Amino acid sequence: MAGDTEASGRATAHQRDEERRAQQAPGGLGPQPRRPTSSDHVTDLGNPGDAKKGANLFKTRCAQCHTVEKDGGNKIGPALHGLWGRKTGSVDGYSYTDANKKKGIEWNDQTLFEYLENPKKYIPGTKMAFGGLKKEKDRNDLIAYLKDATK
């Protein structure tokens, strides 16, 4: 068919993706739409970040506004102790925006990874002034630190 391949006769990247999906489709039913998964945005959960580097990131980028210790309390931002498994906007005594209260997600590796890239994009209306960590490695490092430090 004309237009099905590039001028060089090779399949386009789109065609290769479709063929791969068709081969993996249950019962050989042809191409199946790809469904997003919870790990679409995480680079490599099997290769966790460096907690030591994450501790330094926390100290230089987060500690001005947040604590991680059990009795650290709220500062400009909410206390982060017990972060994993907690719902957004739920720390007692902290004055959240409605956006944070209504987001309704539970903090875990994936949600934190996405949030830390650009907090204002992830929760429009948040009062968190932090611009985010654009480098995936930095986010993974910070998550590795926080996962242990906030227990």
N, C-alpha and C. Protein backbone atom coordinates (compact mmCIF):
# COMPACT_ATOMS: atom_id res chain seq x y z
N MET A 1 0.84 -1.18 0.00
CA MET A 1 0.00 0.00 0.00
C MET A 1 0.88 1.24 0.00
N ALA A 2 0.52 2.19 -0.78
CA ALA A 2 1.28 3.42 -0.82
C ALA A 2 1.08 4.16 0.48
N GLY A 3 2.16 4.75 1.00
CA GLY A 3 2.09 5.53 2.22
C GLY A 3 2.20 4.70 3.48
N ASP A 4 2.24 3.35 3.36
CA ASP A 4 2.34 2.52 4.56
C ASP A 4 3.76 2.44 5.11
N THR A 5 4.72 2.72 4.29
CA THR A 5 6.10 2.69 4.75
C THR A 5 6.79 3.96 4.34
N GLU A 6 7.91 4.21 4.98
CA GLU A 6 8.70 5.37 4.61
C GLU A 6 9.24 5.15 3.21
N ALA A 7 9.74 6.20 2.59
CA ALA A 7 10.28 6.12 1.23
C ALA A 7 11.34 5.04 1.12
N SER A 8 12.05 4.76 2.18
CA SER A 8 13.12 3.77 2.14
C SER A 8 12.58 2.35 2.18
N GLY A 9 11.28 2.19 2.36
CA GLY A 9 10.69 0.85 2.40
C GLY A 9 10.63 0.28 3.81
N ARG A 10 11.11 0.99 4.81
CA ARG A 10 11.06 0.51 6.19
C ARG A 10 9.76 0.94 6.85
N ALA A 11 9.33 0.16 7.82
CA ALA A 11 8.12 0.51 8.57
C ALA A 11 8.38 1.75 9.42
N THR A 12 7.36 2.56 9.56
CA THR A 12 7.49 3.74 10.42
C THR A 12 7.45 3.30 11.88
N ALA A 13 7.86 4.19 12.76
CA ALA A 13 7.83 3.88 14.19
C ALA A 13 6.40 3.58 14.63
N HIS A 14 5.44 4.31 14.10
CA HIS A 14 4.04 4.08 14.44
C HIS A 14 3.62 2.67 14.03
N GLN A 15 4.02 2.26 12.83
CA GLN A 15 3.65 0.92 12.36
C GLN A 15 4.28 -0.16 13.23
N ARG A 16 5.54 0.05 13.62
CA ARG A 16 6.20 -0.94 14.47
C ARG A 16 5.49 -1.04 15.82
N ASP A 17 5.07 0.10 16.36
CA ASP A 17 4.34 0.09 17.63
C ASP A 17 3.03 -0.68 17.49
N GLU A 18 2.31 -0.43 16.39
CA GLU A 18 1.05 -1.12 16.16
C GLU A 18 1.27 -2.63 16.02
N GLU A 19 2.31 -3.02 15.30
CA GLU A 19 2.60 -4.44 15.12
C GLU A 19 2.94 -5.09 16.46
N ARG A 20 3.71 -4.40 17.27
CA ARG A 20 4.09 -4.92 18.58
C ARG A 20 2.85 -5.11 19.45
N ARG A 21 1.94 -4.14 19.43
CA ARG A 21 0.71 -4.27 20.21
C ARG A 21 -0.15 -5.43 19.70
N ALA A 22 -0.20 -5.59 18.38
CA ALA A 22 -1.00 -6.67 17.80
C ALA A 22 -0.45 -8.03 18.23
N GLN A 23 0.87 -8.15 18.27
CA GLN A 23 1.48 -9.42 18.67
C GLN A 23 1.22 -9.71 20.15
N GLN A 24 1.10 -8.67 20.95
CA GLN A 24 0.89 -8.85 22.38
C GLN A 24 -0.59 -8.89 22.76
N ALA A 25 -1.46 -8.61 21.82
CA ALA A 25 -2.89 -8.55 22.11
C ALA A 25 -3.42 -9.93 22.46
N PRO A 26 -4.32 -10.02 23.43
CA PRO A 26 -4.89 -11.31 23.80
C PRO A 26 -5.66 -11.92 22.64
N GLY A 27 -5.39 -13.19 22.37
CA GLY A 27 -6.10 -13.91 21.32
C GLY A 27 -5.77 -13.44 19.92
N GLY A 28 -4.72 -12.66 19.75
CA GLY A 28 -4.33 -12.19 18.43
C GLY A 28 -5.41 -11.36 17.76
N LEU A 29 -6.13 -10.57 18.53
CA LEU A 29 -7.24 -9.80 17.99
C LEU A 29 -6.81 -8.53 17.27
N GLY A 30 -5.55 -8.37 17.06
CA GLY A 30 -5.08 -7.17 16.39
C GLY A 30 -4.70 -6.10 17.39
N PRO A 31 -4.38 -4.93 16.87
CA PRO A 31 -3.91 -3.85 17.74
C PRO A 31 -4.93 -3.48 18.81
N GLN A 32 -4.45 -3.36 20.02
CA GLN A 32 -5.29 -2.96 21.14
C GLN A 32 -4.84 -1.59 21.61
N PRO A 33 -5.77 -0.74 22.02
CA PRO A 33 -5.36 0.56 22.52
C PRO A 33 -4.53 0.40 23.78
N ARG A 34 -3.50 1.20 23.89
CA ARG A 34 -2.63 1.15 25.06
C ARG A 34 -3.32 1.86 26.20
N ARG A 35 -3.36 1.22 27.34
CA ARG A 35 -3.96 1.83 28.52
C ARG A 35 -2.85 2.33 29.43
N PRO A 36 -2.99 3.56 29.93
CA PRO A 36 -1.96 4.07 30.82
C PRO A 36 -1.89 3.24 32.10
N THR A 37 -0.71 3.10 32.63
CA THR A 37 -0.52 2.38 33.88
C THR A 37 0.01 3.34 34.92
N SER A 38 0.01 2.91 36.16
CA SER A 38 0.47 3.78 37.24
C SER A 38 1.96 4.05 37.17
N SER A 39 2.70 3.28 36.38
CA SER A 39 4.14 3.50 36.31
C SER A 39 4.58 4.18 35.02
N ASP A 40 3.66 4.76 34.27
CA ASP A 40 4.01 5.39 33.01
C ASP A 40 5.05 6.50 33.15
N HIS A 41 5.03 7.24 34.24
CA HIS A 41 5.91 8.39 34.36
C HIS A 41 7.18 8.10 35.15
N VAL A 42 7.26 6.99 35.85
CA VAL A 42 8.43 6.69 36.64
C VAL A 42 9.49 6.08 35.74
N THR A 43 10.70 6.54 35.89
CA THR A 43 11.76 6.07 35.01
C THR A 43 12.12 4.63 35.28
N ASP A 44 12.42 4.29 36.52
CA ASP A 44 12.86 2.93 36.81
C ASP A 44 12.66 2.65 38.29
N LEU A 45 11.51 2.13 38.65
CA LEU A 45 11.25 1.82 40.05
C LEU A 45 12.15 0.71 40.56
N GLY A 46 12.66 -0.12 39.66
CA GLY A 46 13.57 -1.19 40.06
C GLY A 46 14.95 -0.66 40.40
N ASN A 47 15.21 0.58 40.05
CA ASN A 47 16.50 1.21 40.33
C ASN A 47 16.24 2.46 41.16
N PRO A 48 16.06 2.28 42.48
CA PRO A 48 15.69 3.42 43.31
C PRO A 48 16.77 4.49 43.34
N GLY A 49 16.36 5.68 43.71
CA GLY A 49 17.29 6.79 43.80
C GLY A 49 18.28 6.62 44.94
N ASP A 50 19.18 7.57 45.03
CA ASP A 50 20.22 7.60 46.05
C ASP A 50 19.73 8.45 47.22
N ALA A 51 19.42 7.80 48.34
CA ALA A 51 18.86 8.50 49.50
C ALA A 51 19.81 9.55 50.05
N LYS A 52 21.10 9.31 49.95
CA LYS A 52 22.08 10.29 50.46
C LYS A 52 22.01 11.58 49.64
N LYS A 53 21.92 11.44 48.33
CA LYS A 53 21.76 12.62 47.47
C LYS A 53 20.40 13.26 47.72
N GLY A 54 19.40 12.43 47.96
CA GLY A 54 18.07 12.94 48.27
C GLY A 54 18.03 13.74 49.56
N ALA A 55 18.82 13.31 50.55
CA ALA A 55 18.90 14.05 51.82
C ALA A 55 19.46 15.45 51.58
N ASN A 56 20.46 15.53 50.71
CA ASN A 56 21.04 16.84 50.39
C ASN A 56 20.02 17.71 49.64
N LEU A 57 19.29 17.10 48.71
CA LEU A 57 18.24 17.85 48.01
C LEU A 57 17.19 18.36 49.00
N PHE A 58 16.79 17.50 49.93
CA PHE A 58 15.80 17.92 50.92
C PHE A 58 16.33 19.11 51.72
N LYS A 59 17.56 19.01 52.16
CA LYS A 59 18.16 20.07 52.97
C LYS A 59 18.21 21.39 52.22
N THR A 60 18.54 21.34 50.94
CA THR A 60 18.71 22.58 50.17
C THR A 60 17.44 23.09 49.51
N ARG A 61 16.47 22.21 49.27
CA ARG A 61 15.29 22.62 48.50
C ARG A 61 13.97 22.51 49.25
N CYS A 62 13.94 21.76 50.36
CA CYS A 62 12.65 21.46 51.00
C CYS A 62 12.58 21.83 52.48
N ALA A 63 13.70 21.72 53.19
CA ALA A 63 13.70 21.86 54.65
C ALA A 63 13.29 23.24 55.13
N GLN A 64 13.36 24.23 54.27
CA GLN A 64 12.93 25.57 54.67
C GLN A 64 11.44 25.57 55.00
N CYS A 65 10.69 24.69 54.35
CA CYS A 65 9.23 24.69 54.49
C CYS A 65 8.65 23.43 55.12
N HIS A 66 9.40 22.33 55.14
CA HIS A 66 8.87 21.04 55.59
C HIS A 66 9.78 20.38 56.62
N THR A 67 9.17 19.57 57.49
CA THR A 67 9.91 18.71 58.41
C THR A 67 9.58 17.26 58.05
N VAL A 68 10.47 16.35 58.44
CA VAL A 68 10.23 14.93 58.21
C VAL A 68 10.13 14.15 59.52
N GLU A 69 10.58 14.74 60.62
CA GLU A 69 10.60 14.06 61.91
C GLU A 69 9.18 13.87 62.45
N LYS A 70 9.01 12.86 63.29
CA LYS A 70 7.70 12.55 63.85
C LYS A 70 7.09 13.75 64.58
N ASP A 71 7.89 14.45 65.34
CA ASP A 71 7.38 15.60 66.10
C ASP A 71 7.83 16.92 65.48
N GLY A 72 8.14 16.91 64.18
CA GLY A 72 8.66 18.10 63.51
C GLY A 72 7.64 19.21 63.35
N GLY A 73 6.41 18.85 63.21
CA GLY A 73 5.35 19.85 63.08
C GLY A 73 5.33 20.54 61.73
N ASN A 74 4.31 21.34 61.54
CA ASN A 74 4.14 22.09 60.30
C ASN A 74 5.00 23.34 60.32
N LYS A 75 5.46 23.74 59.17
CA LYS A 75 6.18 25.00 59.00
C LYS A 75 5.37 25.79 57.96
N ILE A 76 6.04 26.39 57.01
CA ILE A 76 5.34 27.06 55.91
C ILE A 76 4.54 26.02 55.13
N GLY A 77 5.10 24.81 55.02
CA GLY A 77 4.43 23.67 54.39
C GLY A 77 4.08 22.64 55.46
N PRO A 78 3.28 21.65 55.11
CA PRO A 78 2.88 20.64 56.08
C PRO A 78 4.03 19.70 56.45
N ALA A 79 3.94 19.12 57.65
CA ALA A 79 4.89 18.10 58.07
C ALA A 79 4.77 16.91 57.13
N LEU A 80 5.89 16.30 56.81
CA LEU A 80 5.89 15.18 55.87
C LEU A 80 5.96 13.82 56.54
N HIS A 81 6.09 13.78 57.87
CA HIS A 81 6.15 12.49 58.56
C HIS A 81 4.86 11.71 58.27
N GLY A 82 5.00 10.44 57.90
CA GLY A 82 3.84 9.62 57.57
C GLY A 82 3.26 9.89 56.20
N LEU A 83 4.08 10.43 55.31
CA LEU A 83 3.61 10.84 53.98
C LEU A 83 3.04 9.70 53.14
N TRP A 84 3.73 8.54 53.09
CA TRP A 84 3.28 7.44 52.23
C TRP A 84 1.95 6.90 52.71
N GLY A 85 0.99 6.85 51.81
CA GLY A 85 -0.34 6.34 52.12
C GLY A 85 -1.30 7.40 52.62
N ARG A 86 -0.81 8.61 52.80
CA ARG A 86 -1.66 9.70 53.28
C ARG A 86 -2.33 10.39 52.10
N LYS A 87 -3.53 10.88 52.31
CA LYS A 87 -4.26 11.62 51.27
C LYS A 87 -3.78 13.07 51.25
N THR A 88 -3.87 13.68 50.07
CA THR A 88 -3.52 15.09 49.95
C THR A 88 -4.42 15.92 50.86
N GLY A 89 -3.84 16.99 51.39
CA GLY A 89 -4.63 17.93 52.19
C GLY A 89 -5.14 17.41 53.50
N SER A 90 -4.39 16.50 54.16
CA SER A 90 -4.95 15.86 55.35
C SER A 90 -4.12 15.98 56.63
N VAL A 91 -3.07 16.79 56.65
CA VAL A 91 -2.28 16.94 57.87
C VAL A 91 -3.03 17.86 58.84
N ASP A 92 -3.25 17.37 60.05
CA ASP A 92 -3.94 18.17 61.07
C ASP A 92 -3.19 19.46 61.35
N GLY A 93 -3.93 20.53 61.47
CA GLY A 93 -3.35 21.81 61.84
C GLY A 93 -2.72 22.59 60.72
N TYR A 94 -2.74 22.04 59.50
CA TYR A 94 -2.16 22.78 58.37
C TYR A 94 -3.29 23.36 57.53
N SER A 95 -3.14 24.59 57.12
CA SER A 95 -4.16 25.28 56.33
C SER A 95 -3.92 25.07 54.83
N TYR A 96 -4.55 24.05 54.29
CA TYR A 96 -4.41 23.72 52.87
C TYR A 96 -5.35 24.55 52.00
N THR A 97 -5.00 24.67 50.73
CA THR A 97 -5.93 25.26 49.77
C THR A 97 -7.01 24.22 49.47
N ASP A 98 -8.13 24.66 48.95
CA ASP A 98 -9.19 23.73 48.54
C ASP A 98 -8.67 22.76 47.49
N ALA A 99 -7.78 23.23 46.62
CA ALA A 99 -7.23 22.37 45.57
C ALA A 99 -6.53 21.16 46.17
N ASN A 100 -5.74 21.39 47.22
CA ASN A 100 -5.04 20.27 47.87
C ASN A 100 -6.02 19.34 48.58
N LYS A 101 -7.01 19.91 49.23
CA LYS A 101 -7.99 19.09 49.95
C LYS A 101 -8.79 18.23 48.99
N LYS A 102 -9.11 18.77 47.83
CA LYS A 102 -9.99 18.08 46.88
C LYS A 102 -9.26 17.18 45.89
N LYS A 103 -7.94 17.25 45.82
CA LYS A 103 -7.20 16.44 44.85
C LYS A 103 -7.49 14.96 45.07
N GLY A 104 -7.54 14.53 46.32
CA GLY A 104 -7.99 13.18 46.64
C GLY A 104 -7.07 12.05 46.25
N ILE A 105 -5.80 12.33 46.07
CA ILE A 105 -4.89 11.22 45.75
C ILE A 105 -4.16 10.79 47.01
N GLU A 106 -3.61 9.60 46.95
CA GLU A 106 -2.82 9.07 48.05
C GLU A 106 -1.35 9.16 47.66
N TRP A 107 -0.53 9.67 48.56
CA TRP A 107 0.90 9.80 48.26
C TRP A 107 1.58 8.44 48.25
N ASN A 108 2.29 8.18 47.16
CA ASN A 108 3.10 6.98 46.99
C ASN A 108 4.25 7.35 46.05
N ASP A 109 5.07 6.39 45.70
CA ASP A 109 6.22 6.68 44.83
C ASP A 109 5.78 7.39 43.55
N GLN A 110 4.74 6.87 42.92
CA GLN A 110 4.30 7.39 41.62
C GLN A 110 3.71 8.79 41.73
N THR A 111 2.79 8.98 42.66
CA THR A 111 2.15 10.29 42.77
C THR A 111 3.15 11.35 43.19
N LEU A 112 4.08 10.99 44.06
CA LEU A 112 5.10 11.95 44.49
C LEU A 112 6.05 12.27 43.34
N PHE A 113 6.40 11.27 42.54
CA PHE A 113 7.28 11.48 41.39
C PHE A 113 6.65 12.49 40.43
N GLU A 114 5.37 12.33 40.16
CA GLU A 114 4.68 13.25 39.25
C GLU A 114 4.54 14.64 39.87
N TYR A 115 4.18 14.70 41.14
CA TYR A 115 3.99 15.97 41.83
C TYR A 115 5.28 16.78 41.88
N LEU A 116 6.38 16.12 42.22
CA LEU A 116 7.65 16.82 42.39
C LEU A 116 8.19 17.42 41.10
N GLU A 117 7.73 16.94 39.97
CA GLU A 117 8.18 17.53 38.70
C GLU A 117 7.67 18.96 38.56
N ASN A 118 6.41 19.17 38.93
CA ASN A 118 5.81 20.50 38.79
C ASN A 118 4.57 20.55 39.69
N PRO A 119 4.75 20.91 40.96
CA PRO A 119 3.63 20.88 41.90
C PRO A 119 2.42 21.70 41.45
N LYS A 120 2.64 22.86 40.87
CA LYS A 120 1.51 23.72 40.47
C LYS A 120 0.74 23.14 39.28
N LYS A 121 1.40 22.33 38.48
CA LYS A 121 0.71 21.67 37.37
C LYS A 121 -0.07 20.45 37.89
N TYR A 122 0.53 19.72 38.83
CA TYR A 122 -0.10 18.52 39.36
C TYR A 122 -1.32 18.86 40.23
N ILE A 123 -1.19 19.92 41.03
CA ILE A 123 -2.32 20.39 41.84
C ILE A 123 -2.50 21.88 41.57
N PRO A 124 -3.21 22.21 40.48
CA PRO A 124 -3.45 23.63 40.21
C PRO A 124 -4.17 24.27 41.40
N GLY A 125 -3.63 25.38 41.87
CA GLY A 125 -4.22 26.04 43.02
C GLY A 125 -3.47 25.79 44.31
N THR A 126 -2.44 24.93 44.28
CA THR A 126 -1.64 24.71 45.48
C THR A 126 -0.89 25.99 45.83
N LYS A 127 -0.61 26.17 47.11
CA LYS A 127 0.17 27.35 47.49
C LYS A 127 1.66 27.05 47.57
N MET A 128 2.03 25.82 47.26
CA MET A 128 3.45 25.46 47.29
C MET A 128 4.18 26.26 46.21
N ALA A 129 5.16 27.05 46.64
CA ALA A 129 5.87 27.93 45.72
C ALA A 129 7.00 27.23 44.98
N PHE A 130 7.38 26.05 45.42
CA PHE A 130 8.49 25.30 44.83
C PHE A 130 8.20 25.00 43.36
N GLY A 131 9.16 25.30 42.50
CA GLY A 131 8.98 25.12 41.06
C GLY A 131 9.09 23.70 40.58
N GLY A 132 9.63 22.80 41.38
CA GLY A 132 9.72 21.40 41.00
C GLY A 132 11.13 20.96 40.69
N LEU A 133 11.29 19.66 40.54
CA LEU A 133 12.56 19.04 40.16
C LEU A 133 12.38 18.45 38.77
N LYS A 134 12.99 19.05 37.79
CA LYS A 134 12.80 18.61 36.40
C LYS A 134 13.55 17.31 36.10
N LYS A 135 14.68 17.09 36.75
CA LYS A 135 15.47 15.89 36.48
C LYS A 135 14.87 14.69 37.20
N GLU A 136 14.60 13.64 36.43
CA GLU A 136 14.01 12.42 36.99
C GLU A 136 14.91 11.84 38.08
N LYS A 137 16.21 11.89 37.88
CA LYS A 137 17.16 11.35 38.86
C LYS A 137 17.01 12.08 40.19
N ASP A 138 16.89 13.41 40.15
CA ASP A 138 16.71 14.17 41.38
C ASP A 138 15.42 13.77 42.10
N ARG A 139 14.35 13.59 41.34
CA ARG A 139 13.09 13.18 41.96
C ARG A 139 13.21 11.80 42.59
N ASN A 140 13.85 10.88 41.88
CA ASN A 140 14.04 9.53 42.44
C ASN A 140 14.91 9.57 43.69
N ASP A 141 15.95 10.42 43.68
CA ASP A 141 16.82 10.55 44.86
C ASP A 141 16.03 11.09 46.05
N LEU A 142 15.26 12.14 45.82
CA LEU A 142 14.47 12.74 46.90
C LEU A 142 13.44 11.75 47.43
N ILE A 143 12.80 11.03 46.56
CA ILE A 143 11.81 10.03 46.98
C ILE A 143 12.47 8.94 47.82
N ALA A 144 13.66 8.49 47.41
CA ALA A 144 14.38 7.47 48.18
C ALA A 144 14.65 7.97 49.60
N TYR A 145 15.05 9.22 49.72
CA TYR A 145 15.29 9.80 51.05
C TYR A 145 13.98 9.92 51.84
N LEU A 146 12.98 10.51 51.23
CA LEU A 146 11.72 10.75 51.94
C LEU A 146 11.03 9.46 52.38
N LYS A 147 11.16 8.44 51.57
CA LYS A 147 10.49 7.17 51.87
C LYS A 147 10.96 6.63 53.22
N ASP A 148 12.23 6.80 53.51
CA ASP A 148 12.77 6.33 54.79
C ASP A 148 12.62 7.38 55.89
N ALA A 149 12.91 8.64 55.56
CA ALA A 149 12.93 9.70 56.56
C ALA A 149 11.55 10.05 57.12
N THR A 150 10.50 9.74 56.38
CA THR A 150 9.15 10.12 56.82
C THR A 150 8.39 8.98 57.50
N LYS A 151 9.06 7.85 57.73
CA LYS A 151 8.40 6.70 58.38
C LYS A 151 8.09 6.99 59.82
